[in-house]
Structures are given as structure tokens and as C-alpha cells.
Amino acid sequence: MDKLSLNQVQTAVRTMCRVAEEKKEYFSDLDGVMGDADFGVSLAMGFRSVMKRWDTYDVSSIGSFLLGVANQILNNTGGCSGPVWGTLFERLGQTFVGKQELNLSDIMEGFENAVEGIRKRGGAQLGDKTVVDALQAIVDSLKDSAGKNICLNEALDLAARDAYEMREVSKDWMARRGRQRFTGERSIGTYDPGIVAVGEMAVAIAATLK
């Protein structure tokens, strides 16, 4: 596989919806350590709304489909998750407008734009212990794979692995954004639920696309 089709992108989004639903209690438990324990419920609600509107999206291109998903996430996901995850899909959709297939370079550009959009929207920087760190791990991994001429399948596997491992990399950081920032040094040694969610979804997507 050297390109992703619209059907495969849709499979990836359905996989994210499934993970959000299956892991909602786990994600909320992680959030409950330093937050108000609603992250998993909010995320599941947003992705559930994506599935409810599945047959209404414009599928003339990968970009138009993802922009429809973004609209659902933005309008149906509570708390900070709506703007963050909505911006992820919004920036991906904007990058892929008119595209019927995505190569490694396209995917890398889309995630670069998504990281930029989320940083601008919420002010998070790398190292703040947020979803931005997990998404940047994907970008960095894809860039490394592109430089080594690694095939798309393997590149997605490696990116998923790096996103998953970011939970451990960031565990001993102090949170500087999101609700966890209010706990200061007590956030050191805890997992950020958003980082964990990105990793779980990335690994599931990579496995499903095989």
C-alpha cells in the first residue's frame, strides 16, 4: 500500500469512533486522576455523533468528508475536547480538499497543519503535556519514514508506535495546559488522557488498515 483511499480514510475514522466508545471509561479514569473524569464520556459522545450522521457527509473528496466529521466533533463534543479534536479534523480536511488518495507526503502535511491549528487555537506548545505532543510524534515519525523511503504501511505502523509511546515519554513532565495545569507538580508521574487517546487510536488504525 502506497496510498490511502477515501474508503480507507473512512475506515480510520470509524476505528477512532470505536476506540472512543470502547475506551471511554478508561479515558475518563485517567482524566479523573487530575481532572474531572469526563474526558472519555465527552470524546465518546462526539464520535458517536459522527457515526449518527455518517450517511450525510459529502464524500466527493477525502477533504470534504473530514470537514463534515470536523463539524460534528466541534458541535457535539463537550469541554476542551471539542475545539481540539474538531480542529484536528478541520485542518486535515482543509489540507485534503479535492484529494481522492493520500500518499505519505500528503498525510505528513495534514498532520503538520493539524498540530499548527491546535497550537494556535489553544496555545499549547510542545512539552506542555497535551495531545499536541502525541500528534507531533506522528509528524516526526512520518518525516523520518519519508526520508528513509519507508513504505506507507510501515510508516503508519511506526508513527502509531511513536504516538503510543508518548504516554510514557511525557509521564514525568509537568502539565502546562488543560485542566491538569492547575495541579502543578502533582501532574508529574501521571498520564495525559488526550495523549493516551491519540496513541490508542493510532495503533488501532494501523492494525485495522493492514
N, C-alpha and C. Protein backbone atom coordinates (compact mmCIF):
# COMPACT_ATOMS: atom_id res chain seq x y z
N MET A 1 0.84 -1.20 0.00
CA MET A 1 0.00 0.00 0.00
C MET A 1 0.87 1.25 0.00
N ASP A 2 0.71 2.09 -1.03
CA ASP A 2 1.48 3.32 -1.08
C ASP A 2 0.59 4.56 -1.00
N LYS A 3 -0.74 4.36 -0.98
CA LYS A 3 -1.67 5.47 -0.84
C LYS A 3 -2.89 5.03 -0.05
N LEU A 4 -3.55 5.99 0.58
CA LEU A 4 -4.82 5.73 1.26
C LEU A 4 -5.96 6.24 0.40
N SER A 5 -6.99 5.43 0.25
CA SER A 5 -8.18 5.82 -0.48
C SER A 5 -9.19 6.46 0.47
N LEU A 6 -10.24 7.03 -0.11
CA LEU A 6 -11.32 7.57 0.71
C LEU A 6 -11.90 6.49 1.61
N ASN A 7 -12.09 5.30 1.08
CA ASN A 7 -12.64 4.20 1.86
C ASN A 7 -11.75 3.88 3.06
N GLN A 8 -10.44 3.90 2.86
CA GLN A 8 -9.52 3.61 3.96
C GLN A 8 -9.52 4.73 5.00
N VAL A 9 -9.66 5.97 4.54
CA VAL A 9 -9.76 7.09 5.48
C VAL A 9 -11.04 6.95 6.30
N GLN A 10 -12.12 6.57 5.66
CA GLN A 10 -13.37 6.34 6.39
C GLN A 10 -13.20 5.21 7.40
N THR A 11 -12.48 4.18 7.02
CA THR A 11 -12.21 3.08 7.95
C THR A 11 -11.43 3.58 9.15
N ALA A 12 -10.48 4.47 8.91
CA ALA A 12 -9.70 5.05 10.01
C ALA A 12 -10.58 5.83 10.97
N VAL A 13 -11.51 6.61 10.42
CA VAL A 13 -12.41 7.41 11.27
C VAL A 13 -13.35 6.49 12.05
N ARG A 14 -13.89 5.46 11.40
CA ARG A 14 -14.75 4.51 12.11
C ARG A 14 -13.98 3.83 13.24
N THR A 15 -12.72 3.56 13.01
CA THR A 15 -11.89 2.95 14.05
C THR A 15 -11.73 3.89 15.23
N MET A 16 -11.54 5.18 14.97
CA MET A 16 -11.46 6.16 16.05
C MET A 16 -12.75 6.20 16.84
N CYS A 17 -13.87 6.14 16.13
CA CYS A 17 -15.18 6.13 16.81
C CYS A 17 -15.30 4.90 17.72
N ARG A 18 -14.86 3.76 17.22
CA ARG A 18 -14.94 2.52 18.01
C ARG A 18 -14.07 2.60 19.26
N VAL A 19 -12.84 3.08 19.09
CA VAL A 19 -11.93 3.19 20.23
C VAL A 19 -12.48 4.17 21.27
N ALA A 20 -13.01 5.29 20.81
CA ALA A 20 -13.57 6.28 21.74
C ALA A 20 -14.68 5.67 22.58
N GLU A 21 -15.50 4.83 21.96
CA GLU A 21 -16.61 4.20 22.68
C GLU A 21 -16.10 3.10 23.61
N GLU A 22 -15.22 2.26 23.10
CA GLU A 22 -14.75 1.12 23.89
C GLU A 22 -13.87 1.55 25.07
N LYS A 23 -13.17 2.66 24.92
CA LYS A 23 -12.21 3.09 25.95
C LYS A 23 -12.71 4.28 26.77
N LYS A 24 -14.00 4.60 26.67
CA LYS A 24 -14.47 5.82 27.32
C LYS A 24 -14.27 5.78 28.84
N GLU A 25 -14.49 4.64 29.47
CA GLU A 25 -14.30 4.56 30.92
C GLU A 25 -12.82 4.66 31.28
N TYR A 26 -11.97 4.01 30.48
CA TYR A 26 -10.53 4.07 30.71
C TYR A 26 -10.02 5.50 30.58
N PHE A 27 -10.44 6.19 29.52
CA PHE A 27 -10.01 7.58 29.32
C PHE A 27 -10.53 8.48 30.45
N SER A 28 -11.75 8.24 30.90
CA SER A 28 -12.31 9.05 31.99
C SER A 28 -11.59 8.77 33.31
N ASP A 29 -11.22 7.51 33.53
CA ASP A 29 -10.47 7.18 34.74
C ASP A 29 -9.12 7.90 34.75
N LEU A 30 -8.46 7.95 33.59
CA LEU A 30 -7.19 8.68 33.51
C LEU A 30 -7.41 10.16 33.80
N ASP A 31 -8.49 10.70 33.26
CA ASP A 31 -8.81 12.11 33.47
C ASP A 31 -9.14 12.38 34.93
N GLY A 32 -9.71 11.40 35.59
CA GLY A 32 -10.11 11.57 36.98
C GLY A 32 -8.95 11.70 37.95
N VAL A 33 -7.76 11.28 37.53
CA VAL A 33 -6.59 11.38 38.41
C VAL A 33 -6.27 12.83 38.71
N MET A 34 -6.35 13.69 37.68
CA MET A 34 -6.02 15.10 37.86
C MET A 34 -7.11 16.04 37.35
N GLY A 35 -8.15 15.49 36.74
CA GLY A 35 -9.20 16.33 36.19
C GLY A 35 -10.56 15.98 36.76
N ASP A 36 -11.61 16.18 35.94
CA ASP A 36 -12.97 15.94 36.44
C ASP A 36 -13.59 14.68 35.87
N ALA A 37 -12.76 13.81 35.28
CA ALA A 37 -13.18 12.46 34.87
C ALA A 37 -14.25 12.44 33.79
N ASP A 38 -14.31 13.46 32.94
CA ASP A 38 -15.34 13.47 31.90
C ASP A 38 -14.77 13.35 30.49
N PHE A 39 -13.46 13.26 30.36
CA PHE A 39 -12.84 13.25 29.03
C PHE A 39 -13.35 12.11 28.17
N GLY A 40 -13.35 10.91 28.71
CA GLY A 40 -13.78 9.75 27.94
C GLY A 40 -15.22 9.85 27.50
N VAL A 41 -16.09 10.32 28.39
CA VAL A 41 -17.51 10.46 28.07
C VAL A 41 -17.70 11.51 26.98
N SER A 42 -17.01 12.64 27.11
CA SER A 42 -17.13 13.71 26.11
C SER A 42 -16.64 13.26 24.75
N LEU A 43 -15.50 12.57 24.74
CA LEU A 43 -14.94 12.10 23.47
C LEU A 43 -15.85 11.09 22.81
N ALA A 44 -16.38 10.16 23.59
CA ALA A 44 -17.28 9.14 23.05
C ALA A 44 -18.55 9.80 22.49
N MET A 45 -19.04 10.80 23.18
CA MET A 45 -20.24 11.49 22.72
C MET A 45 -20.00 12.16 21.36
N GLY A 46 -18.83 12.80 21.23
CA GLY A 46 -18.51 13.46 19.98
C GLY A 46 -18.39 12.48 18.83
N PHE A 47 -17.69 11.38 19.04
CA PHE A 47 -17.51 10.41 17.97
C PHE A 47 -18.80 9.62 17.70
N ARG A 48 -19.64 9.49 18.71
CA ARG A 48 -20.94 8.85 18.48
C ARG A 48 -21.77 9.71 17.53
N SER A 49 -21.66 11.02 17.68
CA SER A 49 -22.41 11.91 16.79
C SER A 49 -21.89 11.82 15.36
N VAL A 50 -20.59 11.54 15.21
CA VAL A 50 -20.02 11.35 13.88
C VAL A 50 -20.68 10.16 13.18
N MET A 51 -20.85 9.08 13.90
CA MET A 51 -21.46 7.88 13.32
C MET A 51 -22.95 8.09 13.01
N LYS A 52 -23.62 8.86 13.84
CA LYS A 52 -25.05 9.09 13.62
C LYS A 52 -25.32 9.82 12.31
N ARG A 53 -24.35 10.65 11.89
CA ARG A 53 -24.52 11.44 10.66
C ARG A 53 -23.75 10.85 9.49
N TRP A 54 -23.32 9.62 9.62
CA TRP A 54 -22.38 9.00 8.67
C TRP A 54 -22.86 9.10 7.21
N ASP A 55 -24.11 8.87 6.96
CA ASP A 55 -24.62 8.84 5.59
C ASP A 55 -24.88 10.22 5.00
N THR A 56 -24.60 11.27 5.75
CA THR A 56 -24.90 12.62 5.26
C THR A 56 -23.66 13.38 4.78
N TYR A 57 -22.47 12.82 4.97
CA TYR A 57 -21.25 13.56 4.64
C TYR A 57 -21.03 13.65 3.13
N ASP A 58 -20.42 14.75 2.73
CA ASP A 58 -20.01 14.95 1.34
C ASP A 58 -18.76 14.10 1.10
N VAL A 59 -18.88 13.09 0.27
CA VAL A 59 -17.75 12.19 0.03
C VAL A 59 -17.16 12.40 -1.37
N SER A 60 -17.29 13.63 -1.88
CA SER A 60 -16.70 13.92 -3.19
C SER A 60 -15.18 13.95 -3.12
N SER A 61 -14.65 14.12 -1.91
CA SER A 61 -13.19 14.04 -1.71
C SER A 61 -12.92 13.66 -0.27
N ILE A 62 -11.69 13.27 0.00
CA ILE A 62 -11.30 12.95 1.37
C ILE A 62 -11.44 14.19 2.25
N GLY A 63 -11.07 15.33 1.70
CA GLY A 63 -11.15 16.57 2.47
C GLY A 63 -12.57 16.93 2.86
N SER A 64 -13.50 16.84 1.91
CA SER A 64 -14.89 17.20 2.22
C SER A 64 -15.47 16.27 3.27
N PHE A 65 -15.12 15.00 3.20
CA PHE A 65 -15.59 14.04 4.21
C PHE A 65 -15.08 14.43 5.59
N LEU A 66 -13.79 14.72 5.71
CA LEU A 66 -13.21 15.05 7.01
C LEU A 66 -13.73 16.38 7.55
N LEU A 67 -14.06 17.31 6.68
CA LEU A 67 -14.64 18.56 7.14
C LEU A 67 -16.03 18.33 7.73
N GLY A 68 -16.76 17.39 7.18
CA GLY A 68 -18.05 17.02 7.76
C GLY A 68 -17.90 16.41 9.13
N VAL A 69 -16.88 15.56 9.28
CA VAL A 69 -16.59 14.96 10.59
C VAL A 69 -16.21 16.06 11.58
N ALA A 70 -15.39 17.00 11.12
CA ALA A 70 -14.95 18.10 11.99
C ALA A 70 -16.14 18.88 12.53
N ASN A 71 -17.11 19.15 11.68
CA ASN A 71 -18.29 19.90 12.09
C ASN A 71 -19.06 19.17 13.19
N GLN A 72 -19.18 17.86 13.06
CA GLN A 72 -19.87 17.08 14.08
C GLN A 72 -19.11 17.10 15.41
N ILE A 73 -17.81 16.93 15.35
CA ILE A 73 -17.00 16.94 16.56
C ILE A 73 -17.08 18.30 17.25
N LEU A 74 -16.96 19.36 16.49
CA LEU A 74 -16.98 20.71 17.07
C LEU A 74 -18.31 21.01 17.75
N ASN A 75 -19.38 20.51 17.18
CA ASN A 75 -20.72 20.85 17.68
C ASN A 75 -21.26 19.88 18.73
N ASN A 76 -20.59 18.75 18.92
CA ASN A 76 -21.17 17.73 19.80
C ASN A 76 -20.21 17.15 20.83
N THR A 77 -19.06 17.77 21.00
CA THR A 77 -18.09 17.28 21.98
C THR A 77 -17.89 18.33 23.06
N GLY A 78 -18.11 17.93 24.30
CA GLY A 78 -18.04 18.88 25.40
C GLY A 78 -16.63 19.22 25.84
N GLY A 79 -16.54 20.26 26.67
CA GLY A 79 -15.28 20.65 27.27
C GLY A 79 -14.26 21.14 26.27
N CYS A 80 -12.99 20.94 26.61
CA CYS A 80 -11.89 21.36 25.73
C CYS A 80 -11.73 20.42 24.54
N SER A 81 -12.31 19.24 24.63
CA SER A 81 -12.10 18.24 23.59
C SER A 81 -12.69 18.65 22.25
N GLY A 82 -13.82 19.31 22.26
CA GLY A 82 -14.46 19.72 21.01
C GLY A 82 -13.56 20.56 20.14
N PRO A 83 -13.05 21.69 20.64
CA PRO A 83 -12.16 22.52 19.84
C PRO A 83 -10.88 21.79 19.41
N VAL A 84 -10.32 20.99 20.30
CA VAL A 84 -9.05 20.31 19.98
C VAL A 84 -9.25 19.26 18.89
N TRP A 85 -10.17 18.32 19.11
CA TRP A 85 -10.37 17.24 18.15
C TRP A 85 -11.07 17.75 16.90
N GLY A 86 -11.92 18.74 17.05
CA GLY A 86 -12.54 19.34 15.88
C GLY A 86 -11.53 20.01 14.98
N THR A 87 -10.57 20.71 15.59
CA THR A 87 -9.52 21.36 14.81
C THR A 87 -8.64 20.34 14.11
N LEU A 88 -8.40 19.20 14.75
CA LEU A 88 -7.64 18.13 14.12
C LEU A 88 -8.28 17.75 12.79
N PHE A 89 -9.57 17.44 12.81
CA PHE A 89 -10.26 17.03 11.58
C PHE A 89 -10.43 18.19 10.60
N GLU A 90 -10.63 19.37 11.13
CA GLU A 90 -10.80 20.54 10.28
C GLU A 90 -9.54 20.81 9.46
N ARG A 91 -8.38 20.79 10.12
CA ARG A 91 -7.13 21.04 9.42
C ARG A 91 -6.79 19.91 8.44
N LEU A 92 -7.05 18.67 8.84
CA LEU A 92 -6.84 17.56 7.91
C LEU A 92 -7.74 17.73 6.69
N GLY A 93 -9.00 18.06 6.93
CA GLY A 93 -9.93 18.24 5.83
C GLY A 93 -9.52 19.35 4.89
N GLN A 94 -9.10 20.47 5.45
CA GLN A 94 -8.66 21.59 4.61
C GLN A 94 -7.45 21.21 3.76
N THR A 95 -6.55 20.43 4.33
CA THR A 95 -5.35 20.02 3.60
C THR A 95 -5.69 19.06 2.47
N PHE A 96 -6.71 18.22 2.67
CA PHE A 96 -7.02 17.17 1.71
C PHE A 96 -8.18 17.49 0.78
N VAL A 97 -8.61 18.74 0.73
CA VAL A 97 -9.72 19.12 -0.15
C VAL A 97 -9.38 18.74 -1.60
N GLY A 98 -10.32 18.06 -2.26
CA GLY A 98 -10.14 17.69 -3.65
C GLY A 98 -9.36 16.41 -3.87
N LYS A 99 -8.79 15.85 -2.82
CA LYS A 99 -7.95 14.67 -2.97
C LYS A 99 -8.77 13.38 -2.87
N GLN A 100 -8.49 12.45 -3.77
CA GLN A 100 -9.13 11.13 -3.76
C GLN A 100 -8.24 10.08 -3.12
N GLU A 101 -6.94 10.37 -3.04
CA GLU A 101 -5.97 9.47 -2.44
C GLU A 101 -4.94 10.29 -1.67
N LEU A 102 -4.30 9.67 -0.69
CA LEU A 102 -3.29 10.35 0.11
C LEU A 102 -2.02 9.51 0.12
N ASN A 103 -0.89 10.15 -0.22
CA ASN A 103 0.39 9.47 -0.07
C ASN A 103 1.03 9.89 1.25
N LEU A 104 2.20 9.39 1.52
CA LEU A 104 2.86 9.68 2.80
C LEU A 104 3.08 11.17 2.98
N SER A 105 3.49 11.85 1.92
CA SER A 105 3.73 13.29 1.99
C SER A 105 2.45 14.05 2.33
N ASP A 106 1.33 13.64 1.72
CA ASP A 106 0.04 14.29 2.00
C ASP A 106 -0.33 14.14 3.47
N ILE A 107 -0.20 12.93 3.98
CA ILE A 107 -0.58 12.66 5.37
C ILE A 107 0.30 13.46 6.33
N MET A 108 1.58 13.51 6.03
CA MET A 108 2.51 14.28 6.86
C MET A 108 2.13 15.75 6.87
N GLU A 109 1.80 16.30 5.71
CA GLU A 109 1.40 17.71 5.62
C GLU A 109 0.11 17.95 6.41
N GLY A 110 -0.82 17.02 6.31
CA GLY A 110 -2.08 17.18 7.03
C GLY A 110 -1.88 17.24 8.53
N PHE A 111 -1.05 16.36 9.05
CA PHE A 111 -0.82 16.36 10.50
C PHE A 111 0.01 17.56 10.95
N GLU A 112 0.91 18.02 10.10
CA GLU A 112 1.64 19.25 10.42
C GLU A 112 0.67 20.41 10.55
N ASN A 113 -0.26 20.51 9.62
CA ASN A 113 -1.25 21.59 9.68
C ASN A 113 -2.17 21.43 10.88
N ALA A 114 -2.48 20.20 11.24
CA ALA A 114 -3.34 19.96 12.40
C ALA A 114 -2.65 20.40 13.68
N VAL A 115 -1.38 20.06 13.82
CA VAL A 115 -0.62 20.48 15.01
C VAL A 115 -0.58 22.00 15.09
N GLU A 116 -0.31 22.64 13.96
CA GLU A 116 -0.27 24.11 13.94
C GLU A 116 -1.61 24.70 14.35
N GLY A 117 -2.70 24.13 13.83
CA GLY A 117 -4.02 24.65 14.13
C GLY A 117 -4.39 24.50 15.59
N ILE A 118 -4.09 23.36 16.16
CA ILE A 118 -4.41 23.13 17.57
C ILE A 118 -3.57 24.02 18.47
N ARG A 119 -2.31 24.21 18.11
CA ARG A 119 -1.45 25.10 18.91
C ARG A 119 -1.96 26.53 18.87
N LYS A 120 -2.40 26.98 17.70
CA LYS A 120 -2.92 28.34 17.58
C LYS A 120 -4.23 28.50 18.34
N ARG A 121 -5.05 27.48 18.29
CA ARG A 121 -6.38 27.56 18.91
C ARG A 121 -6.30 27.55 20.43
N GLY A 122 -5.43 26.68 20.97
CA GLY A 122 -5.39 26.54 22.42
C GLY A 122 -4.15 27.07 23.10
N GLY A 123 -3.15 27.43 22.31
CA GLY A 123 -1.93 27.98 22.88
C GLY A 123 -0.94 26.96 23.39
N ALA A 124 -1.22 25.68 23.20
CA ALA A 124 -0.31 24.63 23.69
C ALA A 124 0.97 24.61 22.87
N GLN A 125 2.07 24.37 23.57
CA GLN A 125 3.37 24.24 22.93
C GLN A 125 3.88 22.82 23.15
N LEU A 126 4.87 22.43 22.37
CA LEU A 126 5.48 21.13 22.57
C LEU A 126 6.07 21.06 23.98
N GLY A 127 5.84 19.95 24.65
CA GLY A 127 6.34 19.79 26.00
C GLY A 127 5.36 20.21 27.07
N ASP A 128 4.19 20.70 26.66
CA ASP A 128 3.17 21.11 27.64
C ASP A 128 2.36 19.93 28.16
N LYS A 129 2.63 18.73 27.63
CA LYS A 129 1.94 17.50 28.04
C LYS A 129 0.47 17.54 27.63
N THR A 130 0.28 17.68 26.31
CA THR A 130 -1.07 17.68 25.74
C THR A 130 -1.09 16.81 24.49
N VAL A 131 -2.26 16.73 23.87
CA VAL A 131 -2.44 15.98 22.64
C VAL A 131 -1.48 16.44 21.55
N VAL A 132 -1.05 17.70 21.63
CA VAL A 132 -0.10 18.23 20.64
C VAL A 132 1.18 17.40 20.61
N ASP A 133 1.63 16.96 21.76
CA ASP A 133 2.87 16.17 21.82
C ASP A 133 2.71 14.83 21.11
N ALA A 134 1.55 14.19 21.26
CA ALA A 134 1.31 12.92 20.59
C ALA A 134 1.20 13.11 19.08
N LEU A 135 0.53 14.17 18.66
CA LEU A 135 0.39 14.44 17.23
C LEU A 135 1.73 14.82 16.60
N GLN A 136 2.54 15.56 17.33
CA GLN A 136 3.86 15.91 16.82
C GLN A 136 4.74 14.67 16.69
N ALA A 137 4.55 13.71 17.58
CA ALA A 137 5.29 12.45 17.47
C ALA A 137 4.94 11.74 16.16
N ILE A 138 3.69 11.83 15.74
CA ILE A 138 3.27 11.26 14.46
C ILE A 138 3.96 11.99 13.31
N VAL A 139 3.95 13.32 13.37
CA VAL A 139 4.60 14.12 12.32
C VAL A 139 6.07 13.76 12.21
N ASP A 140 6.76 13.74 13.32
CA ASP A 140 8.20 13.46 13.32
C ASP A 140 8.49 12.07 12.77
N SER A 141 7.67 11.10 13.14
CA SER A 141 7.86 9.74 12.67
C SER A 141 7.62 9.64 11.17
N LEU A 142 6.58 10.29 10.67
CA LEU A 142 6.29 10.28 9.24
C LEU A 142 7.42 10.94 8.45
N LYS A 143 7.96 12.03 8.97
CA LYS A 143 9.09 12.69 8.32
C LYS A 143 10.30 11.77 8.24
N ASP A 144 10.55 11.07 9.32
CA ASP A 144 11.68 10.15 9.36
C ASP A 144 11.48 9.03 8.34
N SER A 145 10.27 8.51 8.25
CA SER A 145 9.98 7.45 7.29
C SER A 145 10.11 7.94 5.85
N ALA A 146 9.64 9.16 5.60
CA ALA A 146 9.76 9.73 4.26
C ALA A 146 11.22 9.87 3.85
N GLY A 147 12.05 10.28 4.78
CA GLY A 147 13.47 10.44 4.50
C GLY A 147 14.17 9.13 4.22
N LYS A 148 13.61 8.05 4.73
CA LYS A 148 14.21 6.72 4.55
C LYS A 148 13.50 5.91 3.46
N ASN A 149 12.54 6.56 2.75
CA ASN A 149 11.76 5.89 1.70
C ASN A 149 11.06 4.63 2.20
N ILE A 150 10.54 4.69 3.42
CA ILE A 150 9.80 3.58 4.00
C ILE A 150 8.39 3.57 3.41
N CYS A 151 7.86 2.39 3.13
CA CYS A 151 6.53 2.29 2.54
C CYS A 151 5.47 2.79 3.51
N LEU A 152 4.31 3.15 2.96
CA LEU A 152 3.26 3.78 3.76
C LEU A 152 2.78 2.89 4.90
N ASN A 153 2.59 1.60 4.62
CA ASN A 153 2.14 0.69 5.68
C ASN A 153 3.06 0.72 6.88
N GLU A 154 4.35 0.58 6.63
CA GLU A 154 5.32 0.56 7.72
C GLU A 154 5.41 1.93 8.38
N ALA A 155 5.31 2.98 7.57
CA ALA A 155 5.37 4.34 8.12
C ALA A 155 4.24 4.60 9.10
N LEU A 156 3.04 4.11 8.76
CA LEU A 156 1.90 4.27 9.66
C LEU A 156 2.08 3.46 10.93
N ASP A 157 2.65 2.27 10.80
CA ASP A 157 2.95 1.45 11.98
C ASP A 157 3.91 2.17 12.92
N LEU A 158 4.98 2.71 12.35
CA LEU A 158 6.00 3.39 13.15
C LEU A 158 5.44 4.65 13.81
N ALA A 159 4.62 5.39 13.06
CA ALA A 159 4.02 6.60 13.61
C ALA A 159 3.08 6.27 14.76
N ALA A 160 2.31 5.19 14.59
CA ALA A 160 1.39 4.75 15.65
C ALA A 160 2.18 4.35 16.89
N ARG A 161 3.27 3.64 16.70
CA ARG A 161 4.10 3.21 17.83
C ARG A 161 4.64 4.43 18.59
N ASP A 162 5.12 5.42 17.85
CA ASP A 162 5.69 6.60 18.50
C ASP A 162 4.62 7.40 19.23
N ALA A 163 3.42 7.47 18.64
CA ALA A 163 2.32 8.17 19.31
C ALA A 163 1.94 7.44 20.59
N TYR A 164 1.91 6.11 20.53
CA TYR A 164 1.56 5.31 21.71
C TYR A 164 2.60 5.49 22.81
N GLU A 165 3.86 5.49 22.43
CA GLU A 165 4.94 5.59 23.41
C GLU A 165 5.04 6.97 24.05
N MET A 166 4.41 7.96 23.45
CA MET A 166 4.47 9.31 24.00
C MET A 166 3.86 9.37 25.40
N ARG A 167 2.94 8.47 25.73
CA ARG A 167 2.36 8.45 27.08
C ARG A 167 3.45 8.25 28.13
N GLU A 168 4.41 7.38 27.82
CA GLU A 168 5.50 7.12 28.76
C GLU A 168 6.54 8.22 28.72
N VAL A 169 6.82 8.71 27.52
CA VAL A 169 7.79 9.81 27.37
C VAL A 169 7.36 11.02 28.18
N SER A 170 6.04 11.31 28.13
CA SER A 170 5.52 12.54 28.76
C SER A 170 5.07 12.35 30.20
N LYS A 171 5.08 11.13 30.68
CA LYS A 171 4.52 10.84 32.01
C LYS A 171 5.16 11.68 33.11
N ASP A 172 6.44 11.88 33.04
CA ASP A 172 7.14 12.61 34.11
C ASP A 172 7.28 14.10 33.82
N TRP A 173 6.55 14.58 32.81
CA TRP A 173 6.51 16.02 32.57
C TRP A 173 5.45 16.65 33.48
N MET A 174 5.57 17.95 33.69
CA MET A 174 4.54 18.69 34.41
C MET A 174 3.58 19.29 33.38
N ALA A 175 2.29 19.10 33.56
CA ALA A 175 1.30 19.62 32.63
C ALA A 175 1.27 21.15 32.69
N ARG A 176 1.25 21.76 31.52
CA ARG A 176 1.24 23.23 31.44
C ARG A 176 0.04 23.78 30.68
N ARG A 177 -0.83 22.88 30.21
CA ARG A 177 -2.06 23.30 29.53
C ARG A 177 -3.18 22.35 29.94
N GLY A 178 -4.41 22.73 29.64
CA GLY A 178 -5.55 21.90 30.00
C GLY A 178 -5.82 21.95 31.50
N ARG A 179 -6.77 21.15 31.93
CA ARG A 179 -7.15 21.17 33.34
C ARG A 179 -6.01 20.71 34.25
N GLN A 180 -5.17 19.82 33.75
CA GLN A 180 -4.10 19.30 34.59
C GLN A 180 -3.09 20.37 35.01
N ARG A 181 -3.04 21.46 34.25
CA ARG A 181 -2.06 22.50 34.61
C ARG A 181 -2.33 23.09 35.98
N PHE A 182 -3.58 23.02 36.43
CA PHE A 182 -3.93 23.59 37.73
C PHE A 182 -3.39 22.74 38.88
N THR A 183 -2.97 21.52 38.57
CA THR A 183 -2.44 20.66 39.63
C THR A 183 -0.93 20.82 39.80
N GLY A 184 -0.31 21.59 38.92
CA GLY A 184 1.12 21.86 39.05
C GLY A 184 1.98 20.61 39.07
N GLU A 185 2.86 20.53 40.05
CA GLU A 185 3.80 19.42 40.12
C GLU A 185 3.13 18.08 40.42
N ARG A 186 1.90 18.11 40.88
CA ARG A 186 1.20 16.85 41.14
C ARG A 186 0.88 16.10 39.85
N SER A 187 0.95 16.81 38.70
CA SER A 187 0.70 16.15 37.43
C SER A 187 1.90 15.31 36.97
N ILE A 188 3.05 15.53 37.60
CA ILE A 188 4.23 14.73 37.27
C ILE A 188 3.99 13.28 37.70
N GLY A 189 4.26 12.35 36.78
CA GLY A 189 4.04 10.93 37.08
C GLY A 189 2.68 10.42 36.68
N THR A 190 1.86 11.26 36.04
CA THR A 190 0.53 10.85 35.60
C THR A 190 0.46 10.85 34.07
N TYR A 191 -0.51 10.12 33.55
CA TYR A 191 -0.73 10.08 32.11
C TYR A 191 -1.71 11.17 31.69
N ASP A 192 -1.42 11.80 30.55
CA ASP A 192 -2.39 12.73 29.99
C ASP A 192 -3.39 11.93 29.15
N PRO A 193 -4.69 12.03 29.44
CA PRO A 193 -5.67 11.21 28.73
C PRO A 193 -5.73 11.48 27.23
N GLY A 194 -5.50 12.72 26.83
CA GLY A 194 -5.52 13.04 25.40
C GLY A 194 -4.38 12.37 24.67
N ILE A 195 -3.19 12.38 25.26
CA ILE A 195 -2.04 11.71 24.67
C ILE A 195 -2.30 10.21 24.56
N VAL A 196 -2.86 9.64 25.61
CA VAL A 196 -3.17 8.22 25.60
C VAL A 196 -4.20 7.90 24.51
N ALA A 197 -5.21 8.74 24.37
CA ALA A 197 -6.26 8.51 23.37
C ALA A 197 -5.70 8.53 21.96
N VAL A 198 -4.82 9.47 21.67
CA VAL A 198 -4.21 9.53 20.34
C VAL A 198 -3.42 8.25 20.07
N GLY A 199 -2.66 7.79 21.06
CA GLY A 199 -1.88 6.58 20.89
C GLY A 199 -2.74 5.36 20.67
N GLU A 200 -3.80 5.23 21.47
CA GLU A 200 -4.69 4.08 21.33
C GLU A 200 -5.35 4.07 19.95
N MET A 201 -5.79 5.23 19.50
CA MET A 201 -6.44 5.31 18.19
C MET A 201 -5.47 5.04 17.06
N ALA A 202 -4.26 5.60 17.17
CA ALA A 202 -3.26 5.41 16.12
C ALA A 202 -2.90 3.94 15.94
N VAL A 203 -2.69 3.24 17.04
CA VAL A 203 -2.35 1.82 16.98
C VAL A 203 -3.50 1.01 16.38
N ALA A 204 -4.72 1.34 16.77
CA ALA A 204 -5.89 0.63 16.25
C ALA A 204 -6.06 0.88 14.75
N ILE A 205 -5.83 2.11 14.32
CA ILE A 205 -5.94 2.44 12.89
C ILE A 205 -4.90 1.67 12.09
N ALA A 206 -3.66 1.69 12.54
CA ALA A 206 -2.58 1.00 11.83
C ALA A 206 -2.90 -0.49 11.69
N ALA A 207 -3.42 -1.09 12.76
CA ALA A 207 -3.75 -2.52 12.74
C ALA A 207 -4.92 -2.79 11.79
N THR A 208 -5.92 -1.94 11.83
CA THR A 208 -7.12 -2.13 11.01
C THR A 208 -6.80 -1.99 9.52
N LEU A 209 -5.96 -1.04 9.17
CA LEU A 209 -5.64 -0.79 7.75
C LEU A 209 -4.80 -1.92 7.14
N LYS A 210 -4.22 -2.75 8.00
CA LYS A 210 -3.49 -3.91 7.46
C LYS A 210 -4.44 -4.95 6.91
